[in-house]
């Protein structure tokens, strides 16, 4: 549009789709939208006549437009860590009607997380949450926009992604390293990483060699780093005093008379590679078998069935050997005989064990019975004595007057009644007169009282 102050003209200058005063052709700038009127392409529009200072409103209705640009927003970071989801966006500018946006990883179609239009429909954003596997490294990640009215044209952008992870220790265990003073020691730090770590010139491990001193004991750490970061949890090594290996624990089974199975669990190796030695001799101390390996698993066949053997095993390394263990392996017949003898000994031991409790119990029971018997006898004795004292043999005499009979008169009467031979008692008999006076004078004085008390009686004892 002409600026004020110039030579005014009734006809406005042409307005081009590429901007004022800069008309271009499609060949010079491919992808520029076309303006069509009744099917004919119009490269310029003439508007007028207009007065100077008048407002001009020009509108253009777009019926078809392909995507102008497709861009994957990664901010320059093409690294994807294994197992860590990452949200990425694809921005499509232009396109009418709105485009369909698809994601591809290699040849695999991915499902986007969200889809929306921004800037009054002039741009489209597709969001994808991606968590690739390690084998997806170096594959193309493609964002492809497609206008349904232009079926033969596709607009896309593709990038190459790197998939990996920061270094981590090959094992989570703390490895024990046995060292000896002034003896060269090498520790190997082994990690897993993708891509290769920079801990050493090799890909997955690094070696540390030194001559230990008295103070070189404690914990040693190893860390690695690569393009995905530094190792978070270091590899740990416990530096201790080295020496001969520990004695292994071996399970020996002779389930078949001629077969022998040996399975050993190794102890600490003392800082050097160890070997388990197993020896087998017969009753005459002749060596039958001698084997050694680093696992401690042996299978012996075709052994004499009726012989007893002696087995000796231990571990050995360059620094010495462990304390040997010796076991006697019985044959089947010897085992049966020994088992029978053992059962007899157990039965005898059980009987002796019970008798040690039964004998004291019987003794205590006998003593208890004796104490009870003595107590009952004593109680009965006192009861009988008290009864004799409280109730003497009283014979009532029915007379109205009280008088005393002499002992000489009572004795013959007693003899006449019993018709038994008479023996003079140790205690002379006597008569007890209940209520009688002590003298004839008292008897006379008490006659009146006797009449009033008819219950007065005399008794013989």
Foldseek 3Di string as FASTA:
>chain_A
DDDPPDPDDQKDDWAFQVGPPDQDDCVVPPQRDFADDPRHTDGTDIDGRDDPPDDDDDDGDDDWHAFPAKDKDPVPAQEAEAPDKDKIKIKTFATPPFWDKWKDQANDTDDWDDKDADDVRRMIMTMHIDRDHQVSAQTKIKIKIDHPVCHVDIHMDIDGHGYKHWKDFPDPDAAEAAADAQDKAKDKTFIDIPPFWPQDPDGGIDIDIDGDDPPPFAKDWGKTGDPRGIYDDTHIYGYHHFAAFEWWDWDWDCPDLFKIWIFIDGGGRRRFQKKKWKWKAWPVRHTDDIDIDRGTTDIGGRHDQQTKMKMKMWMGGPRGIYDIDIDIGHHPVVVVVVVVVVVVVVVVVVVVVVVVVVVVVVVVVVVVVVVVVVVVVVVVVVVVVVVCVVDPDWDWDQDLADDFDDLVVPPVVVCVVPVDDDDQDPDRWTWAFFPHDPDPVVRVVCSVVSVVDNPGTITTD
